[in-house]
Amino acid sequence: MRRHEVDRLDPTRSHWVPAVVSPQRDWVGARGCRRGARFMVNLETLHPTRDEFDTFDSEQSCLQWIMQHRAQLNRNLPGATIRAVRLDRWLLGLD
């Protein structure tokens, strides 16, 4: 799914995504970014993204995915904490 397609999601349900915040300027996970830059995690590439993402139906399923891919996520996103967040709150900057 692309960010401009979020209006296709069911607004009566919560949607969860793995997300990460850049721990430093020019972070190795996203070269050229500023400290505190916010990204979702692309489920296929396991890299930060602002535009392409997939959602989970529950926080638990998102957390399970994060735990299953923990080793590779830590390699791709060094120094950052990967969290399960509600998509609507993340896109609004509330979480």
Protein backbone atom coordinates (compact mmCIF):
# COMPACT_ATOMS: atom_id res chain seq x y z
CA MET A 1 0.00 0.00 0.00
CA ARG A 2 1.14 3.53 -0.66
CA ARG A 3 0.59 6.44 1.66
CA HIS A 4 -1.79 8.21 -0.73
CA GLU A 5 -4.03 5.11 -0.64
CA VAL A 6 -4.80 5.21 3.10
CA ASP A 7 -8.35 6.33 2.34
CA ARG A 8 -8.98 2.78 1.06
CA LEU A 9 -8.49 1.34 4.55
CA ASP A 10 -11.54 0.54 6.67
CA PRO A 11 -11.96 3.58 8.96
CA THR A 12 -13.91 1.55 11.53
CA ARG A 13 -10.85 -0.57 12.41
CA SER A 14 -7.43 0.18 13.81
CA HIS A 15 -4.48 -0.53 11.54
CA TRP A 16 -1.01 -1.14 12.94
CA VAL A 17 2.42 -0.69 11.37
CA PRO A 18 5.99 -1.20 12.53
CA ALA A 19 7.61 2.21 12.87
CA VAL A 20 10.97 3.69 13.74
CA VAL A 21 12.40 7.10 14.63
CA SER A 22 15.86 8.08 13.41
CA PRO A 23 18.19 8.15 16.43
CA GLN A 24 20.62 10.58 14.80
CA ARG A 25 21.22 12.87 11.87
CA ASP A 26 22.30 11.07 8.68
CA TRP A 27 21.38 7.76 10.29
CA VAL A 28 22.73 4.69 8.49
CA GLY A 29 19.15 3.34 8.19
CA ALA A 30 18.09 6.38 6.15
CA ARG A 31 21.02 8.40 4.86
CA GLY A 32 20.47 12.16 4.76
CA CYS A 33 17.66 12.19 7.31
CA ARG A 34 17.44 14.45 10.33
CA ARG A 35 17.48 13.21 13.91
CA GLY A 36 13.94 12.30 14.94
CA ALA A 37 12.76 11.60 11.37
CA ARG A 38 9.81 9.22 11.45
CA PHE A 39 9.48 6.16 9.23
CA MET A 40 7.37 3.09 8.84
CA VAL A 41 9.10 -0.21 8.07
CA ASN A 42 8.58 -1.81 4.67
CA LEU A 43 7.65 -5.45 5.35
CA GLU A 44 9.38 -6.75 2.23
CA THR A 45 12.67 -4.85 2.35
CA LEU A 46 12.81 -4.33 6.14
CA HIS A 47 14.02 -0.78 5.49
CA PRO A 48 12.52 2.54 6.57
CA THR A 49 9.87 4.04 4.32
CA ARG A 50 7.56 7.02 4.33
CA ASP A 51 5.40 5.89 1.45
CA GLU A 52 5.17 2.09 0.99
CA PHE A 53 3.87 0.02 3.86
CA ASP A 54 1.59 -2.83 4.87
CA THR A 55 -0.72 -2.91 7.86
CA PHE A 56 -1.59 -5.41 10.53
CA ASP A 57 -5.05 -5.94 12.01
CA SER A 58 -3.84 -5.88 15.60
CA GLU A 59 -1.01 -4.61 17.74
CA GLN A 60 -0.24 -8.19 18.72
CA SER A 61 0.22 -9.38 15.13
CA CYS A 62 2.45 -6.38 14.40
CA LEU A 63 4.56 -7.09 17.50
CA GLN A 64 4.84 -10.75 16.51
CA TRP A 65 6.12 -9.73 13.08
CA ILE A 66 8.67 -7.40 14.69
CA MET A 67 9.89 -10.19 16.98
CA GLN A 68 10.11 -12.69 14.11
CA HIS A 69 12.28 -10.28 12.10
CA ARG A 70 14.16 -8.78 15.06
CA ALA A 71 17.67 -9.81 13.98
CA GLN A 72 17.41 -8.44 10.45
CA LEU A 73 15.61 -5.30 11.63
CA ASN A 74 18.43 -4.62 14.09
CA ARG A 75 20.95 -4.98 11.25
CA ASN A 76 19.00 -2.73 8.86
CA LEU A 77 17.93 -0.16 11.46
CA PRO A 78 20.87 0.03 13.91
CA GLY A 79 20.42 2.04 17.07
CA ALA A 80 16.69 2.53 16.57
CA THR A 81 13.74 1.10 18.44
CA ILE A 82 11.14 -0.56 16.21
CA ARG A 83 7.63 -0.16 17.63
CA ALA A 84 4.11 -1.21 16.72
CA VAL A 85 2.03 1.95 16.27
CA ARG A 86 -1.48 2.74 15.14
CA LEU A 87 -1.26 4.00 11.56
CA ASP A 88 -3.73 6.87 11.99
CA ARG A 89 -1.90 8.27 15.04
CA TRP A 90 1.48 7.83 13.36
CA LEU A 91 0.45 9.68 10.21
CA LEU A 92 -0.97 12.51 12.31
CA GLY A 93 2.23 12.74 14.36
CA LEU A 94 0.43 11.84 17.58
CA ASP A 95 2.45 8.72 18.34
